[in-house]
Amino acid sequence: MILLLAAALQAASPAPSTVATVRGADPREARYDLCVRLANSDPAAARAEAVRWATSGGAWFARQCAGLAYTQEGNFPAAAAEFEAAAKAAEAARDRRAANYWAQAGNARLAAGDVPRARAALDTALVAGTLEGFALGEAQLDHARVLVAANEPEAARRDIDLALTHAADDPLAWLLSATLARREGDLVRAKKDIAEALKRAADDASVQLEAGNIAAAARDEAGARTAWTQAARLAPDAPAGRNARAALAQFDAPAAKP
């Protein structure tokens, strides 16, 4: 499912605010910041640093840094394992960061296509009750994605609506909401929500693809053509672009003779 994959890949790394909401005066944070920056520029070096640090008191900071490095490399199962280890270590120390790490683990499991384990991790993150603000909204959004994958649309809708109250700046939240509304036949809601996604990410091929899908469902051929053409232009070699071209080809195919 293109929507799930796009969301997973974007959300696999935590937003800065996710960490900031739980930061304290722990002296390990300076080394953690350096490790995170290294994970973004040189993931292999960051993993080596995390291993060294883990043996000398790095605890959950080192394990999370390793998870971020694996995320940068696209090794989502390994990233999830590191985030889960960080979460368990933080829980044992009664550190509030644990819920953030469980949320990151769930996101990485989603990116790896492991829906059951993603659900378990995200349930743990949300039940903790310590996530706040944007971090809470992103966890709710990921939980909604799990429910979509599990074919539980009503429960997914509840989670998406909660996510939109905390993470309204995330275009993927509006994209998922619009997609779910279209699938449920609520084109009024679908049009409203895809418009919000377009305000925030008109240059995202997945958003344009869904805008075309919604326009086509509403029998707006001109709107569908415009959006699908944009999607194909923005990402010609990505799944969204290829799907947009296939959808356009349906319009251009000669009508079957009776």
C-alpha atoms as a PDB file:
ATOM      1  CA  MET A   1       0.000   0.000   0.000  1.00  0.00           C
ATOM      2  CA  ILE A   2       1.687   3.206  -1.167  1.00  0.00           C
ATOM      3  CA  LEU A   3       0.229   5.379   1.561  1.00  0.00           C
ATOM      4  CA  LEU A   4       1.496   3.107   4.322  1.00  0.00           C
ATOM      5  CA  LEU A   5       4.966   2.862   2.832  1.00  0.00           C
ATOM      6  CA  ALA A   6       5.286   6.593   2.279  1.00  0.00           C
ATOM      7  CA  ALA A   7       4.156   7.367   5.791  1.00  0.00           C
ATOM      8  CA  ALA A   8       6.405   4.737   7.284  1.00  0.00           C
ATOM      9  CA  LEU A   9       9.487   5.987   5.515  1.00  0.00           C
ATOM     10  CA  GLN A  10       8.858   9.581   6.476  1.00  0.00           C
ATOM     11  CA  ALA A  11       8.055   8.892  10.102  1.00  0.00           C
ATOM     12  CA  ALA A  12      10.747   6.356  10.840  1.00  0.00           C
ATOM     13  CA  SER A  13      12.974   9.055  12.348  1.00  0.00           C
ATOM     14  CA  PRO A  14      11.536  10.927  15.323  1.00  0.00           C
ATOM     15  CA  ALA A  15      10.724  14.599  15.041  1.00  0.00           C
ATOM     16  CA  PRO A  16      12.988  16.846  17.143  1.00  0.00           C
ATOM     17  CA  SER A  17      10.025  17.771  19.329  1.00  0.00           C
ATOM     18  CA  THR A  18       9.583  14.099  20.203  1.00  0.00           C
ATOM     19  CA  VAL A  19      12.871  14.115  22.058  1.00  0.00           C
ATOM     20  CA  ALA A  20      12.620  17.663  23.326  1.00  0.00           C
ATOM     21  CA  THR A  21       9.425  17.032  25.261  1.00  0.00           C
ATOM     22  CA  VAL A  22      11.197  14.576  27.551  1.00  0.00           C
ATOM     23  CA  ARG A  23      14.683  16.022  27.723  1.00  0.00           C
ATOM     24  CA  GLY A  24      16.050  16.714  31.177  1.00  0.00           C
ATOM     25  CA  ALA A  25      19.467  17.613  32.584  1.00  0.00           C
ATOM     26  CA  ASP A  26      21.065  14.224  32.003  1.00  0.00           C
ATOM     27  CA  PRO A  27      24.763  14.784  31.199  1.00  0.00           C
ATOM     28  CA  ARG A  28      24.594  12.028  28.560  1.00  0.00           C
ATOM     29  CA  GLU A  29      22.403  14.208  26.359  1.00  0.00           C
ATOM     30  CA  ALA A  30      25.345  16.117  24.855  1.00  0.00           C
ATOM     31  CA  ARG A  31      26.934  12.877  23.664  1.00  0.00           C
ATOM     32  CA  TYR A  32      23.529  11.702  22.482  1.00  0.00           C
ATOM     33  CA  ASP A  33      23.126  14.840  20.353  1.00  0.00           C
ATOM     34  CA  LEU A  34      26.501  14.209  18.738  1.00  0.00           C
ATOM     35  CA  CYS A  35      25.586  10.584  18.064  1.00  0.00           C
ATOM     36  CA  VAL A  36      22.289  11.578  16.446  1.00  0.00           C
ATOM     37  CA  ARG A  37      24.016  14.073  14.174  1.00  0.00           C
ATOM     38  CA  LEU A  38      26.486  11.365  13.229  1.00  0.00           C
ATOM     39  CA  ALA A  39      23.601   8.959  12.515  1.00  0.00           C
ATOM     40  CA  ASN A  40      22.291  11.422   9.950  1.00  0.00           C
ATOM     41  CA  SER A  41      25.628  11.890   8.198  1.00  0.00           C
ATOM     42  CA  ASP A  42      27.463   8.584   8.730  1.00  0.00           C
ATOM     43  CA  PRO A  43      25.163   5.824  10.029  1.00  0.00           C
ATOM     44  CA  ALA A  44      27.885   3.170  10.158  1.00  0.00           C
ATOM     45  CA  ALA A  45      30.082   5.386  12.309  1.00  0.00           C
ATOM     46  CA  ALA A  46      27.128   6.193  14.545  1.00  0.00           C
ATOM     47  CA  ARG A  47      26.429   2.486  15.073  1.00  0.00           C
ATOM     48  CA  ALA A  48      30.050   1.934  16.074  1.00  0.00           C
ATOM     49  CA  GLU A  49      29.849   4.857  18.482  1.00  0.00           C
ATOM     50  CA  ALA A  50      26.591   3.518  19.934  1.00  0.00           C
ATOM     51  CA  VAL A  51      28.151   0.087  20.562  1.00  0.00           C
ATOM     52  CA  ARG A  52      31.133   1.659  22.355  1.00  0.00           C
ATOM     53  CA  TRP A  53      28.869   3.899  24.367  1.00  0.00           C
ATOM     54  CA  ALA A  54      26.479   1.109  25.325  1.00  0.00           C
ATOM     55  CA  THR A  55      29.338  -0.688  27.092  1.00  0.00           C
ATOM     56  CA  SER A  56      30.243   2.400  29.113  1.00  0.00           C
ATOM     57  CA  GLY A  57      26.942   3.678  30.479  1.00  0.00           C
ATOM     58  CA  GLY A  58      25.161   4.849  27.351  1.00  0.00           C
ATOM     59  CA  ALA A  59      22.015   2.904  28.328  1.00  0.00           C
ATOM     60  CA  TRP A  60      18.898   3.850  26.341  1.00  0.00           C
ATOM     61  CA  PHE A  61      20.603   6.868  24.759  1.00  0.00           C
ATOM     62  CA  ALA A  62      23.084   4.598  22.980  1.00  0.00           C
ATOM     63  CA  ARG A  63      20.426   2.091  21.923  1.00  0.00           C
ATOM     64  CA  GLN A  64      18.206   4.818  20.472  1.00  0.00           C
ATOM     65  CA  CYS A  65      21.125   6.287  18.565  1.00  0.00           C
ATOM     66  CA  ALA A  66      21.819   2.853  17.092  1.00  0.00           C
ATOM     67  CA  GLY A  67      18.155   2.633  16.115  1.00  0.00           C
ATOM     68  CA  LEU A  68      18.342   5.964  14.321  1.00  0.00           C
ATOM     69  CA  ALA A  69      21.471   4.842  12.467  1.00  0.00           C
ATOM     70  CA  TYR A  70      19.775   1.645  11.315  1.00  0.00           C
ATOM     71  CA  THR A  71      16.763   3.735  10.240  1.00  0.00           C
ATOM     72  CA  GLN A  72      18.990   5.900   8.058  1.00  0.00           C
ATOM     73  CA  GLU A  73      20.295   2.730   6.430  1.00  0.00           C
ATOM     74  CA  GLY A  74      16.784   1.396   5.820  1.00  0.00           C
ATOM     75  CA  ASN A  75      17.285  -1.586   8.135  1.00  0.00           C
ATOM     76  CA  PHE A  76      13.955  -1.215   9.907  1.00  0.00           C
ATOM     77  CA  PRO A  77      13.872  -4.581  11.760  1.00  0.00           C
ATOM     78  CA  ALA A  78      17.261  -3.804  13.349  1.00  0.00           C
ATOM     79  CA  ALA A  79      16.124  -0.258  14.121  1.00  0.00           C
ATOM     80  CA  ALA A  80      12.987  -1.564  15.817  1.00  0.00           C
ATOM     81  CA  ALA A  81      15.022  -3.973  17.942  1.00  0.00           C
ATOM     82  CA  GLU A  82      17.248  -1.114  19.134  1.00  0.00           C
ATOM     83  CA  PHE A  83      14.298   1.144  19.920  1.00  0.00           C
ATOM     84  CA  GLU A  84      12.633  -1.680  21.852  1.00  0.00           C
ATOM     85  CA  ALA A  85      15.832  -2.249  23.835  1.00  0.00           C
ATOM     86  CA  ALA A  86      15.991   1.470  24.592  1.00  0.00           C
ATOM     87  CA  ALA A  87      12.357   1.427  25.714  1.00  0.00           C
ATOM     88  CA  LYS A  88      12.873  -1.521  28.070  1.00  0.00           C
ATOM     89  CA  ALA A  89      15.989   0.044  29.587  1.00  0.00           C
ATOM     90  CA  ALA A  90      14.198   3.353  30.101  1.00  0.00           C
ATOM     91  CA  GLU A  91      11.200   1.592  31.636  1.00  0.00           C
ATOM     92  CA  ALA A  92      13.451  -0.213  34.117  1.00  0.00           C
ATOM     93  CA  ALA A  93      14.852   3.175  35.158  1.00  0.00           C
ATOM     94  CA  ARG A  94      11.364   4.748  35.233  1.00  0.00           C
ATOM     95  CA  ASP A  95      12.422   7.260  32.601  1.00  0.00           C
ATOM     96  CA  ARG A  96       9.622   9.022  30.708  1.00  0.00           C
ATOM     97  CA  ARG A  97      11.472   8.575  27.425  1.00  0.00           C
ATOM     98  CA  ALA A  98      10.314   4.948  27.334  1.00  0.00           C
ATOM     99  CA  ALA A  99       7.007   5.805  25.644  1.00  0.00           C
ATOM    100  CA  ASN A 100       8.838   7.715  22.898  1.00  0.00           C
ATOM    101  CA  TYR A 101      11.063   4.733  22.233  1.00  0.00           C
ATOM    102  CA  TRP A 102       8.083   2.372  22.071  1.00  0.00           C
ATOM    103  CA  ALA A 103       6.467   4.742  19.558  1.00  0.00           C
ATOM    104  CA  GLN A 104       9.635   4.756  17.452  1.00  0.00           C
ATOM    105  CA  ALA A 105       9.805   0.977  17.650  1.00  0.00           C
ATOM    106  CA  GLY A 106       6.222   0.743  16.420  1.00  0.00           C
ATOM    107  CA  ASN A 107       6.966   3.061  13.549  1.00  0.00           C
ATOM    108  CA  ALA A 108      10.008   1.018  12.543  1.00  0.00           C
ATOM    109  CA  ARG A 109       7.976  -2.205  12.730  1.00  0.00           C
ATOM    110  CA  LEU A 110       5.425  -0.609  10.407  1.00  0.00           C
ATOM    111  CA  ALA A 111       8.168   0.340   7.983  1.00  0.00           C
ATOM    112  CA  ALA A 112       9.322  -3.275   8.073  1.00  0.00           C
ATOM    113  CA  GLY A 113       5.779  -4.500   7.380  1.00  0.00           C
ATOM    114  CA  ASP A 114       5.416  -6.201  10.763  1.00  0.00           C
ATOM    115  CA  VAL A 115       1.911  -4.997  11.673  1.00  0.00           C
ATOM    116  CA  PRO A 116       1.292  -7.183  14.766  1.00  0.00           C
ATOM    117  CA  ARG A 117       4.524  -6.134  16.485  1.00  0.00           C
ATOM    118  CA  ALA A 118       3.967  -2.525  15.423  1.00  0.00           C
ATOM    119  CA  ARG A 119       0.580  -2.623  17.088  1.00  0.00           C
ATOM    120  CA  ALA A 120       1.992  -4.070  20.307  1.00  0.00           C
ATOM    121  CA  ALA A 121       4.703  -1.402  20.511  1.00  0.00           C
ATOM    122  CA  LEU A 122       2.324   1.463  19.758  1.00  0.00           C
ATOM    123  CA  ASP A 123      -0.235   0.165  22.255  1.00  0.00           C
ATOM    124  CA  THR A 124       2.496   0.220  24.896  1.00  0.00           C
ATOM    125  CA  ALA A 125       3.523   3.751  23.931  1.00  0.00           C
ATOM    126  CA  LEU A 126      -0.006   5.118  24.111  1.00  0.00           C
ATOM    127  CA  VAL A 127      -1.038   3.294  27.273  1.00  0.00           C
ATOM    128  CA  ALA A 128       1.909   4.837  29.120  1.00  0.00           C
ATOM    129  CA  GLY A 129       0.108   8.189  29.039  1.00  0.00           C
ATOM    130  CA  THR A 130       3.320  10.214  28.932  1.00  0.00           C
ATOM    131  CA  LEU A 131       3.388  11.224  25.267  1.00  0.00           C
ATOM    132  CA  GLU A 132       2.397  14.813  24.601  1.00  0.00           C
ATOM    133  CA  GLY A 133       1.832  17.210  21.737  1.00  0.00           C
ATOM    134  CA  PHE A 134       3.209  16.311  18.326  1.00  0.00           C
ATOM    135  CA  ALA A 135       4.803  13.094  19.636  1.00  0.00           C
ATOM    136  CA  LEU A 136       1.404  11.918  20.839  1.00  0.00           C
ATOM    137  CA  GLY A 137      -0.215  12.804  17.532  1.00  0.00           C
ATOM    138  CA  GLU A 138       2.416  10.912  15.534  1.00  0.00           C
ATOM    139  CA  ALA A 139       1.951   7.811  17.694  1.00  0.00           C
ATOM    140  CA  GLN A 140      -1.811   8.033  17.224  1.00  0.00           C
ATOM    141  CA  LEU A 141      -1.298   8.375  13.481  1.00  0.00           C
ATOM    142  CA  ASP A 142       0.942   5.325  13.375  1.00  0.00           C
ATOM    143  CA  HIS A 143      -1.628   3.420  15.421  1.00  0.00           C
ATOM    144  CA  ALA A 144      -4.276   4.425  12.883  1.00  0.00           C
ATOM    145  CA  ARG A 145      -2.049   3.093  10.097  1.00  0.00           C
ATOM    146  CA  VAL A 146      -1.817  -0.206  11.964  1.00  0.00           C
ATOM    147  CA  LEU A 147      -5.599  -0.346  12.195  1.00  0.00           C
ATOM    148  CA  VAL A 148      -5.965   0.420   8.479  1.00  0.00           C
ATOM    149  CA  ALA A 149      -3.610  -2.463   7.728  1.00  0.00           C
ATOM    150  CA  ALA A 150      -5.622  -4.666  10.094  1.00  0.00           C
ATOM    151  CA  ASN A 151      -8.851  -3.728   8.240  1.00  0.00           C
ATOM    152  CA  GLU A 152     -10.383  -1.933  11.214  1.00  0.00           C
ATOM    153  CA  PRO A 153     -11.504   1.325   9.545  1.00  0.00           C
ATOM    154  CA  GLU A 154     -13.811   2.559  12.311  1.00  0.00           C
ATOM    155  CA  ALA A 155     -11.112   2.288  14.955  1.00  0.00           C
ATOM    156  CA  ALA A 156      -8.620   3.830  12.523  1.00  0.00           C
ATOM    157  CA  ARG A 157     -10.923   6.813  12.018  1.00  0.00           C
ATOM    158  CA  ARG A 158     -11.028   7.441  15.764  1.00  0.00           C
ATOM    159  CA  ASP A 159      -7.240   7.395  15.973  1.00  0.00           C
ATOM    160  CA  ILE A 160      -6.829   9.645  12.936  1.00  0.00           C
ATOM    161  CA  ASP A 161      -9.199  12.220  14.353  1.00  0.00           C
ATOM    162  CA  LEU A 162      -7.221  12.201  17.599  1.00  0.00           C
ATOM    163  CA  ALA A 163      -3.964  12.511  15.662  1.00  0.00           C
ATOM    164  CA  LEU A 164      -5.279  15.529  13.788  1.00  0.00           C
ATOM    165  CA  THR A 165      -5.765  17.373  17.074  1.00  0.00           C
ATOM    166  CA  HIS A 166      -2.098  16.924  18.015  1.00  0.00           C
ATOM    167  CA  ALA A 167      -0.249  16.620  14.694  1.00  0.00           C
ATOM    168  CA  ALA A 168      -2.277  18.791  12.347  1.00  0.00           C
ATOM    169  CA  ASP A 169       0.898  20.105  10.723  1.00  0.00           C
ATOM    170  CA  ASP A 170       1.757  16.657   9.402  1.00  0.00           C
ATOM    171  CA  PRO A 171       0.438  16.385   5.816  1.00  0.00           C
ATOM    172  CA  LEU A 172       0.466  12.599   6.071  1.00  0.00           C
ATOM    173  CA  ALA A 173      -2.174  12.772   8.788  1.00  0.00           C
ATOM    174  CA  TRP A 174      -4.491  14.605   6.399  1.00  0.00           C
ATOM    175  CA  LEU A 175      -3.519  12.272   3.562  1.00  0.00           C
ATOM    176  CA  LEU A 176      -4.408   9.177   5.551  1.00  0.00           C
ATOM    177  CA  SER A 177      -7.647  10.784   6.711  1.00  0.00           C
ATOM    178  CA  ALA A 178      -8.616  11.691   3.147  1.00  0.00           C
ATOM    179  CA  THR A 179      -7.786   8.223   1.842  1.00  0.00           C
ATOM    180  CA  LEU A 180      -9.812   6.525   4.548  1.00  0.00           C
ATOM    181  CA  ALA A 181     -12.757   8.850   3.927  1.00  0.00           C
ATOM    182  CA  ARG A 182     -12.697   8.082   0.199  1.00  0.00           C
ATOM    183  CA  ARG A 183     -12.646   4.370   0.856  1.00  0.00           C
ATOM    184  CA  GLU A 184     -15.582   4.731   3.219  1.00  0.00           C
ATOM    185  CA  GLY A 185     -17.534   6.699   0.585  1.00  0.00           C
ATOM    186  CA  ASP A 186     -17.411  10.034   2.429  1.00  0.00           C
ATOM    187  CA  LEU A 187     -16.286  12.246  -0.444  1.00  0.00           C
ATOM    188  CA  VAL A 188     -17.159  15.465   1.388  1.00  0.00           C
ATOM    189  CA  ARG A 189     -14.677  14.615   4.143  1.00  0.00           C
ATOM    190  CA  ALA A 190     -12.172  13.258   1.616  1.00  0.00           C
ATOM    191  CA  LYS A 191     -12.177  16.508  -0.378  1.00  0.00           C
ATOM    192  CA  LYS A 192     -11.808  18.627   2.744  1.00  0.00           C
ATOM    193  CA  ASP A 193      -8.917  16.619   4.123  1.00  0.00           C
ATOM    194  CA  ILE A 194      -6.986  16.255   0.871  1.00  0.00           C
ATOM    195  CA  ALA A 195      -7.207  20.034   0.514  1.00  0.00           C
ATOM    196  CA  GLU A 196      -5.477  20.324   3.899  1.00  0.00           C
ATOM    197  CA  ALA A 197      -2.797  17.859   2.772  1.00  0.00           C
ATOM    198  CA  LEU A 198      -2.255  19.850  -0.427  1.00  0.00           C
ATOM    199  CA  LYS A 199      -1.821  23.067   1.576  1.00  0.00           C
ATOM    200  CA  ARG A 200       1.057  21.440   3.419  1.00  0.00           C
ATOM    201  CA  ALA A 201       2.626  19.187   0.781  1.00  0.00           C
ATOM    202  CA  ALA A 202       1.495  19.960  -2.755  1.00  0.00           C
ATOM    203  CA  ASP A 203       4.917  18.789  -3.937  1.00  0.00           C
ATOM    204  CA  ASP A 204       4.361  15.277  -2.535  1.00  0.00           C
ATOM    205  CA  ALA A 205       3.479  12.809  -5.283  1.00  0.00           C
ATOM    206  CA  SER A 206       1.464  10.627  -2.874  1.00  0.00           C
ATOM    207  CA  VAL A 207      -0.704  13.602  -1.951  1.00  0.00           C
ATOM    208  CA  GLN A 208      -1.291  14.471  -5.614  1.00  0.00           C
ATOM    209  CA  LEU A 209      -2.060  10.821  -6.409  1.00  0.00           C
ATOM    210  CA  GLU A 210      -4.745  10.714  -3.735  1.00  0.00           C
ATOM    211  CA  ALA A 211      -6.112  14.089  -4.851  1.00  0.00           C
ATOM    212  CA  GLY A 212      -6.591  12.521  -8.271  1.00  0.00           C
ATOM    213  CA  ASN A 213      -8.211   9.437  -6.769  1.00  0.00           C
ATOM    214  CA  ILE A 214     -10.698  11.572  -4.871  1.00  0.00           C
ATOM    215  CA  ALA A 215     -11.455  13.720  -7.920  1.00  0.00           C
ATOM    216  CA  ALA A 216     -12.025  10.581  -9.987  1.00  0.00           C
ATOM    217  CA  ALA A 217     -14.366   9.174  -7.336  1.00  0.00           C
ATOM    218  CA  ALA A 218     -16.308  12.444  -7.553  1.00  0.00           C
ATOM    219  CA  ARG A 219     -16.448  12.118 -11.379  1.00  0.00           C
ATOM    220  CA  ASP A 220     -14.238  15.175 -11.805  1.00  0.00           C
ATOM    221  CA  GLU A 221     -12.131  14.048 -14.751  1.00  0.00           C
ATOM    222  CA  ALA A 222     -10.366  17.372 -15.206  1.00  0.00           C
ATOM    223  CA  GLY A 223      -9.366  17.507 -11.537  1.00  0.00           C
ATOM    224  CA  ALA A 224      -8.200  13.907 -11.602  1.00  0.00           C
ATOM    225  CA  ARG A 225      -6.109  14.471 -14.726  1.00  0.00           C
ATOM    226  CA  THR A 226      -4.469  17.555 -13.221  1.00  0.00           C
ATOM    227  CA  ALA A 227      -3.564  15.861  -9.938  1.00  0.00           C
ATOM    228  CA  TRP A 228      -2.362  12.612 -11.515  1.00  0.00           C
ATOM    229  CA  THR A 229      -0.262  14.532 -14.035  1.00  0.00           C
ATOM    230  CA  GLN A 230       1.369  16.365 -11.131  1.00  0.00           C
ATOM    231  CA  ALA A 231       2.047  13.102  -9.301  1.00  0.00           C
ATOM    232  CA  ALA A 232       3.654  11.597 -12.396  1.00  0.00           C
ATOM    233  CA  ARG A 233       5.797  14.705 -12.885  1.00  0.00           C
ATOM    234  CA  LEU A 234       6.911  14.886  -9.251  1.00  0.00           C
ATOM    235  CA  ALA A 235       7.933  11.249  -8.886  1.00  0.00           C
ATOM    236  CA  PRO A 236       8.137   9.578 -12.301  1.00  0.00           C
ATOM    237  CA  ASP A 237      10.034   6.532 -11.041  1.00  0.00           C
ATOM    238  CA  ALA A 238       8.335   6.121  -7.639  1.00  0.00           C
ATOM    239  CA  PRO A 239       5.211   4.015  -7.033  1.00  0.00           C
ATOM    240  CA  ALA A 240       3.020   7.121  -6.729  1.00  0.00           C
ATOM    241  CA  GLY A 241       4.154   8.382 -10.116  1.00  0.00           C
ATOM    242  CA  ARG A 242       3.747   5.012 -11.793  1.00  0.00           C
ATOM    243  CA  ASN A 243       0.254   4.574 -10.360  1.00  0.00           C
ATOM    244  CA  ALA A 244      -0.670   8.069 -11.528  1.00  0.00           C
ATOM    245  CA  ARG A 245       0.450   7.254 -15.081  1.00  0.00           C
ATOM    246  CA  ALA A 246      -1.550   4.032 -15.011  1.00  0.00           C
ATOM    247  CA  ALA A 247      -4.627   5.954 -13.868  1.00  0.00           C
ATOM    248  CA  LEU A 248      -4.175   8.518 -16.643  1.00  0.00           C
ATOM    249  CA  ALA A 249      -3.863   5.727 -19.185  1.00  0.00           C
ATOM    250  CA  GLN A 250      -7.334   4.525 -18.250  1.00  0.00           C
ATOM    251  CA  PHE A 251      -8.734   7.886 -19.328  1.00  0.00           C
ATOM    252  CA  ASP A 252      -6.805   7.809 -22.576  1.00  0.00           C
ATOM    253  CA  ALA A 253      -7.570   4.207 -23.516  1.00  0.00           C
ATOM    254  CA  PRO A 254      -9.924   3.881 -26.509  1.00  0.00           C
ATOM    255  CA  ALA A 255     -13.467   3.047 -25.546  1.00  0.00           C
ATOM    256  CA  ALA A 256     -14.381  -0.587 -26.003  1.00  0.00           C
ATOM    257  CA  LYS A 257     -16.663  -1.301 -28.947  1.00  0.00           C
ATOM    258  CA  PRO A 258     -20.107  -2.676 -28.083  1.00  0.00           C
END
